[in-house]
Amino acid sequence: MEFWQYLLLISSIFLVSIDALSFHLPINQKKCLKEEIHKNVLVTGIYDLTEAPGQRTKLVVVDSRGHILYQKDDASKGKFAFTTEDYDMFEVCFETKLPMGTHAPDREVTIDVKTGVEAKNYEALAKAEKLKPLEVELRKLEDLSEAIVNDFAYMRAREEEMRDTNESTHSRVLYFSIFSMCCLLGLASWQVLYLRRYFKAKKLIE
């Protein structure tokens, strides 16, 4: 019994929910949230904007290459979801535009973005597969363990990539240094021979 209680405690520590983020969006301004997300990761978001008559707020979710993953021209309240195809930087941007000289109160934006294990709907999974509460927690732990393993694998791959880059840079610097030394030695030898011939021509030396 203590083992299962320990598993539940660990899952409650790692799977604690994060509160939604709230901020004020002035008119004719754009605010974005950025986050780096790994490959093949589920991303979900829930947004809610306060009512503002006459104001239209545009919501766009894009990656670093400018691909639009979600767009809403008159965002007020809703959800979005997508699965990443590659490791990238993603932006969630809100923008309100009104004619110049128009005065309007700021809109309060509340957004809750979840990724990976947090984004999965385990309640629907439990109903679909008829899982018991303990089995649901074990499934969460399994998914969390897989996510941690993937993170470590990514970090190891990045470390190997950085090491290869450092070794390649070191080799290039070494070859360039040898080439520069050879050029300097060649130039110095040419200068000595040239000056020797010049002084001989001027009969300054034998």
C-alpha atoms as a PDB file:
ATOM      1  CA  MET A   1       0.000   0.000   0.000  1.00  0.00           C
ATOM      2  CA  GLU A   2       2.836   2.380   0.837  1.00  0.00           C
ATOM      3  CA  PHE A   3       4.294   1.874  -2.666  1.00  0.00           C
ATOM      4  CA  TRP A   4       1.110   3.054  -4.366  1.00  0.00           C
ATOM      5  CA  GLN A   5       0.833   6.004  -2.014  1.00  0.00           C
ATOM      6  CA  TYR A   6       4.407   6.913  -2.911  1.00  0.00           C
ATOM      7  CA  LEU A   7       3.580   6.795  -6.638  1.00  0.00           C
ATOM      8  CA  LEU A   8       0.552   9.004  -6.124  1.00  0.00           C
ATOM      9  CA  LEU A   9       2.649  11.474  -4.147  1.00  0.00           C
ATOM     10  CA  ILE A  10       5.269  11.644  -6.893  1.00  0.00           C
ATOM     11  CA  SER A  11       2.627  12.149  -9.559  1.00  0.00           C
ATOM     12  CA  SER A  12       0.990  14.925  -7.571  1.00  0.00           C
ATOM     13  CA  ILE A  13       4.341  16.690  -7.273  1.00  0.00           C
ATOM     14  CA  PHE A  14       5.221  16.529 -10.969  1.00  0.00           C
ATOM     15  CA  LEU A  15       1.739  16.958 -12.377  1.00  0.00           C
ATOM     16  CA  VAL A  16       0.725  19.982 -10.334  1.00  0.00           C
ATOM     17  CA  SER A  17      -1.293  22.358 -12.494  1.00  0.00           C
ATOM     18  CA  ILE A  18       0.080  25.784 -13.321  1.00  0.00           C
ATOM     19  CA  ASP A  19      -2.199  28.805 -12.958  1.00  0.00           C
ATOM     20  CA  ALA A  20      -3.230  30.662 -16.082  1.00  0.00           C
ATOM     21  CA  LEU A  21      -1.369  33.809 -17.092  1.00  0.00           C
ATOM     22  CA  SER A  22      -3.202  37.143 -17.111  1.00  0.00           C
ATOM     23  CA  PHE A  23      -2.121  40.494 -18.542  1.00  0.00           C
ATOM     24  CA  HIS A  24      -3.589  43.753 -19.873  1.00  0.00           C
ATOM     25  CA  LEU A  25      -3.580  44.433 -23.616  1.00  0.00           C
ATOM     26  CA  PRO A  26      -3.666  48.156 -24.545  1.00  0.00           C
ATOM     27  CA  ILE A  27      -5.223  49.195 -27.827  1.00  0.00           C
ATOM     28  CA  ASN A  28      -3.028  49.230 -30.944  1.00  0.00           C
ATOM     29  CA  GLN A  29      -0.418  47.095 -29.232  1.00  0.00           C
ATOM     30  CA  LYS A  30       0.780  43.540 -29.667  1.00  0.00           C
ATOM     31  CA  LYS A  31       1.871  41.179 -26.926  1.00  0.00           C
ATOM     32  CA  CYS A  32       3.349  37.724 -27.472  1.00  0.00           C
ATOM     33  CA  LEU A  33       4.236  34.743 -25.344  1.00  0.00           C
ATOM     34  CA  LYS A  34       7.162  32.597 -26.482  1.00  0.00           C
ATOM     35  CA  GLU A  35       8.068  29.063 -25.532  1.00  0.00           C
ATOM     36  CA  GLU A  36      10.466  26.426 -26.833  1.00  0.00           C
ATOM     37  CA  ILE A  37       8.777  23.064 -27.296  1.00  0.00           C
ATOM     38  CA  HIS A  38      10.208  19.692 -28.307  1.00  0.00           C
ATOM     39  CA  LYS A  39       9.185  17.574 -31.276  1.00  0.00           C
ATOM     40  CA  ASN A  40       5.913  15.583 -31.275  1.00  0.00           C
ATOM     41  CA  VAL A  41       4.515  17.340 -28.218  1.00  0.00           C
ATOM     42  CA  LEU A  42       0.825  18.091 -27.749  1.00  0.00           C
ATOM     43  CA  VAL A  43       0.096  21.763 -27.006  1.00  0.00           C
ATOM     44  CA  THR A  44      -3.274  23.047 -25.818  1.00  0.00           C
ATOM     45  CA  GLY A  45      -4.387  26.524 -24.867  1.00  0.00           C
ATOM     46  CA  ILE A  46      -7.464  28.111 -23.317  1.00  0.00           C
ATOM     47  CA  TYR A  47      -7.912  31.868 -23.644  1.00  0.00           C
ATOM     48  CA  ASP A  48     -10.468  34.337 -22.332  1.00  0.00           C
ATOM     49  CA  LEU A  49     -10.633  38.083 -22.984  1.00  0.00           C
ATOM     50  CA  THR A  50     -12.782  40.602 -21.152  1.00  0.00           C
ATOM     51  CA  GLU A  51     -15.607  42.166 -23.119  1.00  0.00           C
ATOM     52  CA  ALA A  52     -14.759  45.402 -24.940  1.00  0.00           C
ATOM     53  CA  PRO A  53     -17.446  46.801 -27.248  1.00  0.00           C
ATOM     54  CA  GLY A  54     -16.046  47.906 -30.580  1.00  0.00           C
ATOM     55  CA  GLN A  55     -12.687  46.211 -30.087  1.00  0.00           C
ATOM     56  CA  ARG A  56     -11.470  43.280 -32.171  1.00  0.00           C
ATOM     57  CA  THR A  57      -8.487  41.343 -30.901  1.00  0.00           C
ATOM     58  CA  LYS A  58      -6.540  39.080 -33.222  1.00  0.00           C
ATOM     59  CA  LEU A  59      -4.978  35.888 -31.891  1.00  0.00           C
ATOM     60  CA  VAL A  60      -2.236  34.138 -33.870  1.00  0.00           C
ATOM     61  CA  VAL A  61      -0.104  31.123 -32.951  1.00  0.00           C
ATOM     62  CA  VAL A  62       2.980  30.775 -35.162  1.00  0.00           C
ATOM     63  CA  ASP A  63       6.327  28.997 -35.200  1.00  0.00           C
ATOM     64  CA  SER A  64       9.740  30.524 -35.902  1.00  0.00           C
ATOM     65  CA  ARG A  65       9.277  30.000 -39.660  1.00  0.00           C
ATOM     66  CA  GLY A  66       6.044  31.975 -39.707  1.00  0.00           C
ATOM     67  CA  HIS A  67       3.711  29.008 -40.168  1.00  0.00           C
ATOM     68  CA  ILE A  68       0.298  29.821 -38.709  1.00  0.00           C
ATOM     69  CA  LEU A  69      -0.849  27.041 -36.381  1.00  0.00           C
ATOM     70  CA  TYR A  70      -3.961  28.812 -35.125  1.00  0.00           C
ATOM     71  CA  GLN A  71      -5.638  32.110 -35.958  1.00  0.00           C
ATOM     72  CA  LYS A  72      -8.709  33.943 -34.692  1.00  0.00           C
ATOM     73  CA  ASP A  73      -9.506  37.415 -36.029  1.00  0.00           C
ATOM     74  CA  ASP A  74     -12.026  38.299 -33.316  1.00  0.00           C
ATOM     75  CA  ALA A  75     -10.829  36.370 -30.304  1.00  0.00           C
ATOM     76  CA  SER A  76     -12.883  36.543 -27.136  1.00  0.00           C
ATOM     77  CA  LYS A  77     -12.957  33.052 -25.651  1.00  0.00           C
ATOM     78  CA  GLY A  78     -11.911  29.664 -26.937  1.00  0.00           C
ATOM     79  CA  LYS A  79      -9.391  26.871 -27.187  1.00  0.00           C
ATOM     80  CA  PHE A  80      -6.640  25.781 -29.533  1.00  0.00           C
ATOM     81  CA  ALA A  81      -4.533  22.649 -29.872  1.00  0.00           C
ATOM     82  CA  PHE A  82      -1.753  21.387 -32.103  1.00  0.00           C
ATOM     83  CA  THR A  83       1.092  18.869 -32.119  1.00  0.00           C
ATOM     84  CA  THR A  84       4.598  20.080 -32.854  1.00  0.00           C
ATOM     85  CA  GLU A  85       6.393  18.609 -35.861  1.00  0.00           C
ATOM     86  CA  ASP A  86       9.871  19.679 -34.789  1.00  0.00           C
ATOM     87  CA  TYR A  87      11.727  21.353 -31.938  1.00  0.00           C
ATOM     88  CA  ASP A  88      11.006  25.044 -32.368  1.00  0.00           C
ATOM     89  CA  MET A  89      10.132  28.367 -30.774  1.00  0.00           C
ATOM     90  CA  PHE A  90       6.404  29.052 -30.769  1.00  0.00           C
ATOM     91  CA  GLU A  91       4.634  32.387 -30.267  1.00  0.00           C
ATOM     92  CA  VAL A  92       1.116  33.142 -29.059  1.00  0.00           C
ATOM     93  CA  CYS A  93       0.322  36.742 -30.010  1.00  0.00           C
ATOM     94  CA  PHE A  94      -2.622  38.990 -29.155  1.00  0.00           C
ATOM     95  CA  GLU A  95      -3.130  42.279 -31.006  1.00  0.00           C
ATOM     96  CA  THR A  96      -5.894  44.883 -30.736  1.00  0.00           C
ATOM     97  CA  LYS A  97      -6.273  47.567 -33.400  1.00  0.00           C
ATOM     98  CA  LEU A  98      -8.479  50.655 -33.329  1.00  0.00           C
ATOM     99  CA  PRO A  99      -8.431  53.877 -35.392  1.00  0.00           C
ATOM    100  CA  MET A 100      -5.915  56.424 -34.165  1.00  0.00           C
ATOM    101  CA  GLY A 101      -7.384  58.846 -31.654  1.00  0.00           C
ATOM    102  CA  THR A 102      -9.900  56.315 -30.386  1.00  0.00           C
ATOM    103  CA  HIS A 103      -9.903  55.816 -26.643  1.00  0.00           C
ATOM    104  CA  ALA A 104     -10.839  52.463 -25.157  1.00  0.00           C
ATOM    105  CA  PRO A 105     -10.013  50.566 -21.977  1.00  0.00           C
ATOM    106  CA  ASP A 106      -7.397  47.834 -21.984  1.00  0.00           C
ATOM    107  CA  ARG A 107      -8.590  44.272 -22.428  1.00  0.00           C
ATOM    108  CA  GLU A 108      -7.564  41.734 -19.839  1.00  0.00           C
ATOM    109  CA  VAL A 109      -6.278  38.539 -21.420  1.00  0.00           C
ATOM    110  CA  THR A 110      -6.190  35.237 -19.557  1.00  0.00           C
ATOM    111  CA  ILE A 111      -4.438  32.318 -21.202  1.00  0.00           C
ATOM    112  CA  ASP A 112      -3.509  28.870 -19.981  1.00  0.00           C
ATOM    113  CA  VAL A 113      -1.073  26.959 -22.210  1.00  0.00           C
ATOM    114  CA  LYS A 114      -0.236  23.353 -21.417  1.00  0.00           C
ATOM    115  CA  THR A 115       2.236  21.025 -23.092  1.00  0.00           C
ATOM    116  CA  GLY A 116       3.023  17.337 -23.032  1.00  0.00           C
ATOM    117  CA  VAL A 117       1.555  15.385 -20.149  1.00  0.00           C
ATOM    118  CA  GLU A 118      -0.320  18.399 -18.796  1.00  0.00           C
ATOM    119  CA  ALA A 119      -2.125  18.859 -22.113  1.00  0.00           C
ATOM    120  CA  LYS A 120      -3.598  15.349 -22.206  1.00  0.00           C
ATOM    121  CA  ASN A 121      -7.196  14.857 -21.144  1.00  0.00           C
ATOM    122  CA  TYR A 122      -6.900  11.945 -18.760  1.00  0.00           C
ATOM    123  CA  GLU A 123     -10.533  12.206 -17.704  1.00  0.00           C
ATOM    124  CA  ALA A 124     -11.684  11.442 -21.246  1.00  0.00           C
ATOM    125  CA  LEU A 125      -9.054   8.699 -21.469  1.00  0.00           C
ATOM    126  CA  ALA A 126     -10.305   7.132 -18.255  1.00  0.00           C
ATOM    127  CA  LYS A 127     -13.876   7.131 -19.545  1.00  0.00           C
ATOM    128  CA  ALA A 128     -12.874   5.716 -22.924  1.00  0.00           C
ATOM    129  CA  GLU A 129     -10.722   2.928 -21.515  1.00  0.00           C
ATOM    130  CA  LYS A 130     -12.698   2.533 -18.266  1.00  0.00           C
ATOM    131  CA  LEU A 131      -9.631   3.054 -16.098  1.00  0.00           C
ATOM    132  CA  LYS A 132      -9.661   3.203 -12.345  1.00  0.00           C
ATOM    133  CA  PRO A 133      -8.267   6.302 -10.572  1.00  0.00           C
ATOM    134  CA  LEU A 134      -5.081   4.480  -9.630  1.00  0.00           C
ATOM    135  CA  GLU A 135      -4.642   3.270 -13.207  1.00  0.00           C
ATOM    136  CA  VAL A 136      -5.068   6.848 -14.419  1.00  0.00           C
ATOM    137  CA  GLU A 137      -2.329   8.027 -12.061  1.00  0.00           C
ATOM    138  CA  LEU A 138      -0.071   5.219 -13.254  1.00  0.00           C
ATOM    139  CA  ARG A 139      -0.739   6.243 -16.862  1.00  0.00           C
ATOM    140  CA  LYS A 140       0.224   9.812 -15.954  1.00  0.00           C
ATOM    141  CA  LEU A 141       3.437   8.555 -14.372  1.00  0.00           C
ATOM    142  CA  GLU A 142       4.196   6.484 -17.451  1.00  0.00           C
ATOM    143  CA  ASP A 143       3.710   9.460 -19.761  1.00  0.00           C
ATOM    144  CA  LEU A 144       5.716  11.674 -17.440  1.00  0.00           C
ATOM    145  CA  SER A 145       8.581   9.178 -17.339  1.00  0.00           C
ATOM    146  CA  GLU A 146       8.558   8.978 -21.126  1.00  0.00           C
ATOM    147  CA  ALA A 147       8.672  12.780 -21.359  1.00  0.00           C
ATOM    148  CA  ILE A 148      11.618  12.929 -18.947  1.00  0.00           C
ATOM    149  CA  VAL A 149      13.492  10.250 -20.913  1.00  0.00           C
ATOM    150  CA  ASN A 150      12.863  12.168 -24.145  1.00  0.00           C
ATOM    151  CA  ASP A 151      14.150  15.364 -22.545  1.00  0.00           C
ATOM    152  CA  PHE A 152      17.340  13.647 -21.419  1.00  0.00           C
ATOM    153  CA  ALA A 153      17.787  12.094 -24.864  1.00  0.00           C
ATOM    154  CA  TYR A 154      17.390  15.516 -26.455  1.00  0.00           C
ATOM    155  CA  MET A 155      19.878  17.049 -24.027  1.00  0.00           C
ATOM    156  CA  ARG A 156      22.363  14.284 -24.775  1.00  0.00           C
ATOM    157  CA  ALA A 157      21.941  14.775 -28.519  1.00  0.00           C
ATOM    158  CA  ARG A 158      22.484  18.509 -28.111  1.00  0.00           C
ATOM    159  CA  GLU A 159      25.584  17.842 -26.009  1.00  0.00           C
ATOM    160  CA  GLU A 160      26.998  15.554 -28.698  1.00  0.00           C
ATOM    161  CA  GLU A 161      26.189  18.145 -31.353  1.00  0.00           C
ATOM    162  CA  MET A 162      27.919  20.869 -29.361  1.00  0.00           C
ATOM    163  CA  ARG A 163      30.939  18.633 -28.792  1.00  0.00           C
ATOM    164  CA  ASP A 164      31.172  17.858 -32.508  1.00  0.00           C
ATOM    165  CA  THR A 165      30.906  21.561 -33.266  1.00  0.00           C
ATOM    166  CA  ASN A 166      33.676  22.379 -30.773  1.00  0.00           C
ATOM    167  CA  GLU A 167      35.935  19.671 -32.197  1.00  0.00           C
ATOM    168  CA  SER A 168      35.283  20.862 -35.739  1.00  0.00           C
ATOM    169  CA  THR A 169      35.964  24.467 -34.753  1.00  0.00           C
ATOM    170  CA  HIS A 170      39.157  23.452 -32.959  1.00  0.00           C
ATOM    171  CA  SER A 171      40.386  21.562 -36.040  1.00  0.00           C
ATOM    172  CA  ARG A 172      39.631  24.509 -38.312  1.00  0.00           C
ATOM    173  CA  VAL A 173      41.424  26.911 -35.990  1.00  0.00           C
ATOM    174  CA  LEU A 174      44.432  24.572 -35.859  1.00  0.00           C
ATOM    175  CA  TYR A 175      44.612  24.253 -39.648  1.00  0.00           C
ATOM    176  CA  PHE A 176      44.192  28.000 -40.080  1.00  0.00           C
ATOM    177  CA  SER A 177      46.977  28.652 -37.562  1.00  0.00           C
ATOM    178  CA  ILE A 178      49.331  26.284 -39.409  1.00  0.00           C
ATOM    179  CA  PHE A 179      48.410  27.899 -42.732  1.00  0.00           C
ATOM    180  CA  SER A 180      48.985  31.388 -41.284  1.00  0.00           C
ATOM    181  CA  MET A 181      52.369  30.325 -39.867  1.00  0.00           C
ATOM    182  CA  CYS A 182      53.422  28.898 -43.239  1.00  0.00           C
ATOM    183  CA  CYS A 183      52.365  32.122 -44.963  1.00  0.00           C
ATOM    184  CA  LEU A 184      54.326  34.215 -42.474  1.00  0.00           C
ATOM    185  CA  LEU A 185      57.426  32.033 -42.856  1.00  0.00           C
ATOM    186  CA  GLY A 186      57.135  32.208 -46.637  1.00  0.00           C
ATOM    187  CA  LEU A 187      56.701  35.972 -46.560  1.00  0.00           C
ATOM    188  CA  ALA A 188      59.656  36.400 -44.202  1.00  0.00           C
ATOM    189  CA  SER A 189      61.865  34.209 -46.428  1.00  0.00           C
ATOM    190  CA  TRP A 190      60.858  36.174 -49.517  1.00  0.00           C
ATOM    191  CA  GLN A 191      61.624  39.458 -47.767  1.00  0.00           C
ATOM    192  CA  VAL A 192      65.073  38.225 -46.721  1.00  0.00           C
ATOM    193  CA  LEU A 193      65.926  37.067 -50.263  1.00  0.00           C
ATOM    194  CA  TYR A 194      64.567  40.256 -51.802  1.00  0.00           C
ATOM    195  CA  LEU A 195      66.532  42.497 -49.457  1.00  0.00           C
ATOM    196  CA  ARG A 196      69.665  40.427 -49.994  1.00  0.00           C
ATOM    197  CA  ARG A 197      69.413  40.843 -53.777  1.00  0.00           C
ATOM    198  CA  TYR A 198      68.647  44.544 -53.372  1.00  0.00           C
ATOM    199  CA  PHE A 199      71.665  45.198 -51.165  1.00  0.00           C
ATOM    200  CA  LYS A 200      73.884  43.218 -53.529  1.00  0.00           C
ATOM    201  CA  ALA A 201      72.635  45.256 -56.461  1.00  0.00           C
ATOM    202  CA  LYS A 202      73.459  48.425 -54.565  1.00  0.00           C
ATOM    203  CA  LYS A 203      76.857  46.890 -53.648  1.00  0.00           C
ATOM    204  CA  LEU A 204      76.122  47.380 -49.977  1.00  0.00           C
ATOM    205  CA  ILE A 205      77.041  43.799 -49.173  1.00  0.00           C
ATOM    206  CA  GLU A 206      79.282  41.228 -50.794  1.00  0.00           C
END
